[in-house]
Amino acid sequence: GGGDFFGDMFGAPVPDAGPAAAATGAVALASSAPAPVNEGAMSRAAPAPSAEEKKPPRHAHKEGDLPPGGEWYDARIFTPTLGVMFFKPQELTDSLFLQTDREIVDALDERPVVAFIVEGSSARSAGVELGHVLLKVNGIDVKNPKEASRLIKEGPRPLPLLFYVPDTQVVVAEGEHMVKYDTRDTGAPNSAKDWKPKYVVIGGIIAQPWMMNMYRSKSEYDIAVIETQARRPISVKVKQFSLQGARIQNDWQGPQMVKYKNKLHPWKYIVVLPVARNPIKISSPNLSQLKPVHEGIRRVLMAQQRDRGNPTPHTAAPVRSADPYGRGAERGHHGGAEARAGNFNQGQAEATGRRRREE
């Protein structure tokens, strides 16, 4: 029908947005609008998998060619749309699979990997997360993203899906932040009201790895991804910054802090110093929320140093005994904004919830 935004777009190539934008990413979205969160059948019939469901299956699987150590789980979808985009594993080595062993990527062959999830979609409600690999749709083996989209579109409802969670850390470098980039000051603004809320994305599936894009919200980022995948002009506002040649101010000290009198906790922030542009200040009310974007920027800067063969103390971020991110101390200088496949979004949601309560 007329409301079918993708119609024939399944498996359509993406415009040349760089190595992270897959040429064969396929969408399992039958409409441009995210499925409403309160869609009765969705929330009622597709609960998040329990710990029991998440365990490796007891039934005999013949997928001997899959990498060892992963887990399987079943999901059932009751809605017409799934609300995800699938890419081939090889197309995610600059983003989600940046720190995944090449053997794992190769062993996954061209199987569809969940590279993007629309907020409020039935996939989200079913417990599907970034980096999960779709193996079967309605009992039929799926070999690539295009096939996955076709089978999901044509299959019955409820639709049984079998997913595989590889034993790896997925890299996600995005989140909701308060930002300030319109003055030459390198310190925090005097008032909390001077910051702007933005959804900040480092690289990702529609940008070059060294680009930092800021959207007004996660839902507007969703729209940008969907429109880019459909080779349509982007209808939402995006602020773009190149991290090429940039550095983080005094990064060896870790994030800085500012206390505002009407805020319960001090805000943590970093200052990115781009080439020939105003400083970009990025803040969060807690360290865990700042970590994915901070470490995503660090990763870009470290890669540039390796290319130049000239590390500098400004951005090298040596391993510190007092690593602000705690457990990551042993890989503080190169570890990514990592999340065990399946855990990041939950943590992000919790952090966002905390921030709203604090304000």
Protein backbone atom coordinates (compact mmCIF):
# COMPACT_ATOMS: atom_id res chain seq x y z
CA GLY A 1 0.00 0.00 0.00
CA GLY A 2 0.90 3.67 -0.12
CA GLY A 3 2.14 3.61 3.47
CA ASP A 4 4.72 0.91 2.70
CA PHE A 5 7.79 3.14 2.86
CA PHE A 6 10.21 0.47 1.70
CA GLY A 7 8.05 -1.56 -0.65
CA ASP A 8 10.72 -2.71 -3.03
CA MET A 9 13.62 -1.34 -1.02
CA PHE A 10 14.65 -4.62 0.61
CA GLY A 11 18.32 -5.17 0.05
CA ALA A 12 18.72 -1.84 -1.73
CA PRO A 13 22.25 -0.45 -1.69
CA VAL A 14 23.05 2.55 0.46
CA PRO A 15 24.59 5.74 -0.91
CA ASP A 16 28.35 5.96 -0.64
CA ALA A 17 28.55 7.03 2.97
CA GLY A 18 31.84 5.31 3.66
CA PRO A 19 33.04 1.88 4.68
CA ALA A 20 30.68 1.64 7.63
CA ALA A 21 27.64 2.10 5.39
CA ALA A 22 26.97 -1.32 3.97
CA ALA A 23 26.22 -1.72 0.29
CA THR A 24 24.04 -4.73 0.98
CA GLY A 25 22.35 -3.84 4.26
CA ALA A 26 18.78 -5.06 4.15
CA VAL A 27 15.91 -3.68 6.11
CA ALA A 28 13.19 -5.55 7.90
CA LEU A 29 11.04 -2.45 8.30
CA ALA A 30 7.83 -2.34 6.36
CA SER A 31 7.16 1.28 7.17
CA SER A 32 9.17 4.36 7.96
CA ALA A 33 7.48 5.01 11.28
CA PRO A 34 8.83 3.18 14.32
CA ALA A 35 6.30 0.66 15.62
CA PRO A 36 4.50 2.29 18.55
CA VAL A 37 5.78 1.20 21.93
CA ASN A 38 2.31 0.51 23.25
CA GLU A 39 1.32 -1.83 20.41
CA GLY A 40 -0.63 -4.37 22.45
CA ALA A 41 0.26 -7.55 20.58
CA MET A 42 3.90 -6.59 20.53
CA SER A 43 4.45 -6.01 24.21
CA ARG A 44 2.08 -8.74 25.30
CA ALA A 45 3.29 -11.46 23.00
CA ALA A 46 6.97 -10.69 22.64
CA PRO A 47 8.46 -10.37 26.11
CA ALA A 48 12.21 -10.06 26.49
CA PRO A 49 13.75 -13.54 26.52
CA SER A 50 14.15 -14.91 30.02
CA ALA A 51 17.50 -16.14 31.27
CA GLU A 52 16.24 -19.65 30.54
CA GLU A 53 15.52 -18.80 26.89
CA LYS A 54 18.87 -17.08 26.53
CA LYS A 55 20.84 -20.20 27.47
CA PRO A 56 22.50 -22.16 24.65
CA PRO A 57 19.82 -24.45 23.22
CA ARG A 58 19.25 -27.92 24.51
CA HIS A 59 17.98 -29.08 21.10
CA ALA A 60 20.68 -30.32 18.74
CA HIS A 61 21.90 -27.62 16.36
CA LYS A 62 23.89 -28.56 13.31
CA GLU A 63 25.48 -25.12 12.90
CA GLY A 64 28.97 -26.56 13.26
CA ASP A 65 30.34 -23.75 11.12
CA LEU A 66 29.34 -21.05 13.64
CA PRO A 67 32.03 -19.62 15.91
CA PRO A 68 32.31 -21.45 19.26
CA GLY A 69 31.16 -19.98 22.54
CA GLY A 70 27.99 -18.16 21.44
CA GLU A 71 24.42 -18.63 22.58
CA TRP A 72 21.09 -19.15 20.82
CA TYR A 73 17.65 -17.87 21.70
CA ASP A 74 14.17 -17.89 20.14
CA ALA A 75 12.04 -14.81 19.53
CA ARG A 76 8.45 -14.56 18.30
CA ILE A 77 7.23 -11.53 16.38
CA PHE A 78 3.54 -10.66 16.16
CA THR A 79 3.76 -7.39 14.24
CA PRO A 80 4.09 -6.81 10.46
CA THR A 81 7.48 -5.13 10.96
CA LEU A 82 10.54 -6.22 12.90
CA GLY A 83 12.18 -2.78 13.06
CA VAL A 84 15.82 -3.69 12.45
CA MET A 85 18.43 -3.43 9.70
CA PHE A 86 20.63 -6.39 8.88
CA PHE A 87 24.16 -6.06 7.53
CA LYS A 88 26.71 -8.70 6.58
CA PRO A 89 29.33 -9.27 9.31
CA GLN A 90 32.18 -8.09 7.04
CA GLU A 91 30.44 -4.72 6.66
CA LEU A 92 30.55 -4.09 10.43
CA THR A 93 34.30 -4.34 11.05
CA ASP A 94 34.53 -0.52 11.33
CA SER A 95 31.63 -0.30 13.76
CA LEU A 96 29.91 -3.03 15.82
CA PHE A 97 32.56 -5.68 15.10
CA LEU A 98 35.54 -3.33 15.35
CA GLN A 99 37.04 -5.41 18.16
CA THR A 100 35.75 -8.81 17.09
CA ASP A 101 38.27 -11.48 16.07
CA ARG A 102 38.47 -11.88 12.31
CA GLU A 103 37.90 -15.63 12.74
CA ILE A 104 34.48 -14.94 14.25
CA VAL A 105 33.56 -12.48 11.50
CA ASP A 106 34.62 -14.94 8.79
CA ALA A 107 32.85 -17.88 10.45
CA LEU A 108 29.57 -15.95 10.41
CA ASP A 109 29.85 -15.89 6.60
CA GLU A 110 27.19 -13.53 5.14
CA ARG A 111 24.56 -14.21 7.80
CA PRO A 112 22.38 -11.21 8.72
CA VAL A 113 23.64 -9.25 11.73
CA VAL A 114 21.37 -6.78 13.54
CA ALA A 115 23.17 -3.48 12.94
CA PHE A 116 20.37 -1.04 13.82
CA ILE A 117 17.17 -1.19 15.87
CA VAL A 118 14.33 1.32 15.74
CA GLU A 119 13.28 2.39 19.23
CA GLY A 120 9.86 1.02 20.17
CA SER A 121 10.04 -1.77 17.58
CA SER A 122 8.89 -5.35 18.07
CA ALA A 123 12.53 -6.50 17.84
CA ARG A 124 13.42 -4.35 20.85
CA SER A 125 10.48 -5.78 22.80
CA ALA A 126 11.57 -9.32 21.93
CA GLY A 127 15.01 -8.75 23.43
CA VAL A 128 16.90 -8.50 20.13
CA GLU A 129 20.08 -6.43 20.43
CA LEU A 130 22.82 -5.03 18.21
CA GLY A 131 25.29 -7.69 17.04
CA HIS A 132 22.81 -10.56 17.25
CA VAL A 133 22.83 -12.86 14.22
CA LEU A 134 19.62 -14.18 12.63
CA LEU A 135 19.89 -17.90 11.80
CA LYS A 136 16.34 -18.99 10.99
CA VAL A 137 13.01 -17.42 10.05
CA ASN A 138 10.02 -19.72 10.57
CA GLY A 139 12.41 -22.69 10.65
CA ILE A 140 14.12 -21.76 7.37
CA ASP A 141 17.89 -21.17 7.36
CA VAL A 142 18.82 -17.60 6.44
CA LYS A 143 22.05 -16.99 4.55
CA ASN A 144 22.17 -13.19 4.04
CA PRO A 145 20.41 -9.89 4.88
CA LYS A 146 18.34 -9.74 1.71
CA GLU A 147 16.94 -13.23 2.30
CA ALA A 148 16.18 -12.33 5.93
CA SER A 149 14.12 -9.30 4.93
CA ARG A 150 12.15 -11.25 2.33
CA LEU A 151 11.35 -14.14 4.70
CA ILE A 152 10.34 -11.79 7.52
CA LYS A 153 8.08 -9.83 5.19
CA GLU A 154 6.43 -12.95 3.74
CA GLY A 155 6.30 -15.15 6.86
CA PRO A 156 3.25 -15.88 9.03
CA ARG A 157 2.46 -14.13 12.31
CA PRO A 158 3.39 -15.02 14.97
CA LEU A 159 6.76 -15.45 13.31
CA PRO A 160 9.36 -17.63 15.06
CA LEU A 161 12.97 -16.44 14.73
CA LEU A 162 16.17 -18.12 15.89
CA PHE A 163 19.04 -15.80 16.85
CA TYR A 164 22.67 -16.44 17.68
CA VAL A 165 24.66 -14.18 20.04
CA PRO A 166 28.38 -14.36 19.18
CA ASP A 167 30.88 -14.52 22.03
CA THR A 168 32.27 -11.04 21.43
CA GLN A 169 32.09 -7.43 22.60
CA VAL A 170 30.07 -5.19 20.31
CA VAL A 171 31.31 -1.61 19.98
CA VAL A 172 28.67 1.10 20.31
CA ALA A 173 29.68 4.76 20.42
CA GLU A 174 26.49 6.81 20.73
CA GLY A 175 24.19 8.22 23.37
CA GLU A 176 22.17 11.12 24.75
CA HIS A 177 24.35 13.98 25.96
CA MET A 178 24.31 17.67 26.77
CA VAL A 179 26.66 19.51 24.39
CA LYS A 180 28.11 22.98 23.76
CA TYR A 181 29.98 23.88 20.57
CA ASP A 182 29.16 27.52 19.74
CA THR A 183 31.81 29.41 21.76
CA ARG A 184 35.60 29.48 21.92
CA ASP A 185 35.63 28.64 25.63
CA THR A 186 37.32 25.39 26.61
CA GLY A 187 35.67 25.34 30.05
CA ALA A 188 32.13 24.36 30.98
CA PRO A 189 29.41 27.01 30.60
CA ASN A 190 28.29 28.88 33.72
CA SER A 191 24.74 27.53 33.66
CA ALA A 192 23.26 24.11 32.96
CA LYS A 193 20.79 25.94 30.67
CA ASP A 194 23.63 26.82 28.28
CA TRP A 195 24.03 23.18 27.19
CA LYS A 196 21.91 21.63 24.42
CA PRO A 197 20.55 18.08 24.46
CA LYS A 198 21.79 16.01 21.50
CA TYR A 199 21.99 12.38 20.45
CA VAL A 200 25.71 12.00 19.66
CA VAL A 201 26.97 9.30 17.27
CA ILE A 202 30.63 8.56 16.54
CA GLY A 203 30.88 6.85 13.15
CA GLY A 204 28.10 4.27 13.05
CA ILE A 205 26.39 2.71 10.05
CA ILE A 206 25.68 5.86 8.01
CA ALA A 207 28.86 7.87 8.56
CA GLN A 208 32.61 7.64 8.12
CA PRO A 209 34.28 6.25 11.27
CA TRP A 210 35.97 9.61 12.03
CA MET A 211 32.76 11.68 11.86
CA MET A 212 30.82 12.80 14.93
CA ASN A 213 27.16 13.49 14.14
CA MET A 214 24.67 15.10 16.52
CA TYR A 215 20.90 14.73 16.19
CA ARG A 216 18.08 16.29 18.18
CA SER A 217 17.03 12.86 19.50
CA LYS A 218 17.49 9.13 19.06
CA SER A 219 14.24 8.99 17.08
CA GLU A 220 15.59 11.58 14.61
CA TYR A 221 18.75 9.48 14.24
CA ASP A 222 16.46 6.52 13.47
CA ILE A 223 14.84 8.58 10.70
CA ALA A 224 18.26 9.55 9.27
CA VAL A 225 19.37 5.91 9.14
CA ILE A 226 16.14 4.78 7.48
CA GLU A 227 16.25 7.59 4.91
CA THR A 228 19.92 6.99 4.13
CA GLN A 229 19.26 3.28 3.66
CA ALA A 230 16.41 4.13 1.29
CA ARG A 231 18.66 6.57 -0.61
CA ARG A 232 16.42 9.50 0.28
CA PRO A 233 17.50 12.97 1.37
CA ILE A 234 17.78 13.23 5.15
CA SER A 235 14.84 15.25 6.47
CA VAL A 236 16.15 15.76 10.02
CA LYS A 237 18.66 18.27 11.31
CA VAL A 238 22.20 16.95 11.85
CA LYS A 239 25.29 18.76 13.12
CA GLN A 240 28.47 17.21 11.71
CA PHE A 241 32.05 17.40 13.01
CA SER A 242 35.19 15.77 11.65
CA LEU A 243 37.51 14.25 14.25
CA GLN A 244 40.44 14.18 11.81
CA GLY A 245 43.36 15.94 13.45
CA ALA A 246 41.34 16.59 16.64
CA ARG A 247 42.43 15.93 20.20
CA ILE A 248 40.77 15.71 23.62
CA GLN A 249 41.85 18.42 26.06
CA ASN A 250 43.94 16.99 28.95
CA ASP A 251 42.59 13.52 28.27
CA TRP A 252 45.24 11.86 30.44
CA GLN A 253 43.34 13.30 33.44
CA GLY A 254 40.06 11.68 32.38
CA PRO A 255 36.71 13.52 32.18
CA GLN A 256 36.38 16.91 33.87
CA MET A 257 33.65 17.87 36.32
CA VAL A 258 31.31 20.82 36.77
CA LYS A 259 28.76 21.35 39.55
CA TYR A 260 25.55 23.29 38.88
CA LYS A 261 23.60 24.49 41.89
CA ASN A 262 20.24 23.13 40.73
CA LYS A 263 21.63 19.68 39.82
CA LEU A 264 21.96 16.84 42.27
CA HIS A 265 25.30 15.50 40.96
CA PRO A 266 28.27 17.13 39.23
CA TRP A 267 28.25 16.67 35.46
CA LYS A 268 31.19 14.90 33.82
CA TYR A 269 32.39 16.33 30.52
CA ILE A 270 35.13 16.12 27.90
CA VAL A 271 36.39 18.87 25.58
CA VAL A 272 37.16 17.88 21.99
CA LEU A 273 39.47 20.30 20.19
CA PRO A 274 38.86 19.96 16.44
CA VAL A 275 41.04 21.54 13.78
CA ALA A 276 40.04 25.18 13.12
CA ARG A 277 36.66 24.97 14.88
CA ASN A 278 35.28 25.86 18.28
CA PRO A 279 35.85 23.37 21.12
CA ILE A 280 33.12 20.74 21.43
CA LYS A 281 32.07 20.04 25.01
CA ILE A 282 30.16 16.79 25.63
CA SER A 283 28.70 16.05 29.06
CA SER A 284 26.72 13.48 31.02
CA PRO A 285 25.41 13.42 34.58
CA ASN A 286 27.41 10.23 35.25
CA LEU A 287 30.57 8.53 34.00
CA SER A 288 28.93 5.38 32.68
CA GLN A 289 26.77 7.42 30.31
CA LEU A 290 29.75 9.41 29.03
CA LYS A 291 31.92 6.34 28.42
CA PRO A 292 30.65 5.04 25.04
CA VAL A 293 31.08 8.34 23.18
CA HIS A 294 34.28 9.31 25.04
CA GLU A 295 35.96 6.01 24.24
CA GLY A 296 34.59 6.08 20.70
CA ILE A 297 36.33 9.43 20.13
CA ARG A 298 39.51 8.12 21.77
CA ARG A 299 39.49 5.13 19.44
CA VAL A 300 39.34 7.39 16.37
CA LEU A 301 42.20 9.54 17.67
CA MET A 302 44.34 6.51 18.55
CA ALA A 303 43.84 5.10 15.04
CA GLN A 304 45.01 8.41 13.57
CA GLN A 305 48.12 8.33 15.75
CA ARG A 306 48.90 4.81 14.62
CA ASP A 307 48.55 5.93 11.00
CA ARG A 308 50.95 8.82 11.66
CA GLY A 309 53.18 6.71 13.88
CA ASN A 310 53.40 9.65 16.25
CA PRO A 311 51.53 9.28 19.55
CA THR A 312 51.30 12.46 21.61
CA PRO A 313 50.47 12.82 25.30
CA HIS A 314 47.35 14.84 24.43
CA THR A 315 45.42 11.92 23.06
CA ALA A 316 47.39 8.80 23.86
CA ALA A 317 45.42 8.41 27.10
CA PRO A 318 47.91 6.09 28.82
CA VAL A 319 46.66 3.32 31.06
CA ARG A 320 46.03 4.92 34.44
CA SER A 321 45.84 3.35 37.85
CA ALA A 322 42.82 5.58 38.48
CA ASP A 323 40.87 4.76 35.32
CA PRO A 324 37.60 6.72 35.60
CA TYR A 325 35.77 3.82 33.99
CA GLY A 326 36.83 1.31 36.62
CA ARG A 327 36.92 -2.23 35.29
CA GLY A 328 38.31 -1.13 31.91
CA ALA A 329 41.63 -0.10 33.46
CA GLU A 330 43.64 -2.77 31.73
CA ARG A 331 42.49 -1.59 28.34
CA GLY A 332 41.92 2.03 29.20
CA HIS A 333 44.02 3.41 26.35
CA HIS A 334 42.59 1.37 23.51
CA GLY A 335 39.44 -0.35 24.76
CA GLY A 336 36.33 0.67 22.89
CA ALA A 337 32.98 1.77 24.17
CA GLU A 338 32.24 -1.88 24.56
CA ALA A 339 29.12 -3.70 25.56
CA ARG A 340 28.55 -7.40 25.74
CA ALA A 341 26.19 -8.05 22.82
CA GLY A 342 22.81 -7.41 24.36
CA ASN A 343 23.73 -5.34 27.39
CA PHE A 344 24.53 -1.86 26.11
CA ASN A 345 21.06 -0.58 25.35
CA GLN A 346 19.71 -1.71 28.67
CA GLY A 347 22.51 0.14 30.46
CA GLN A 348 21.92 3.19 28.31
CA ALA A 349 18.21 3.14 29.13
CA GLU A 350 18.95 2.85 32.83
CA ALA A 351 21.44 5.70 32.66
CA THR A 352 18.96 7.86 30.77
CA GLY A 353 16.28 7.06 33.34
CA ARG A 354 18.61 8.09 36.15
CA ARG A 355 19.41 11.34 34.43
CA ARG A 356 15.73 12.22 34.05
CA ARG A 357 15.12 11.53 37.73
CA GLU A 358 18.10 13.63 38.75
CA GLU A 359 16.85 16.61 36.79
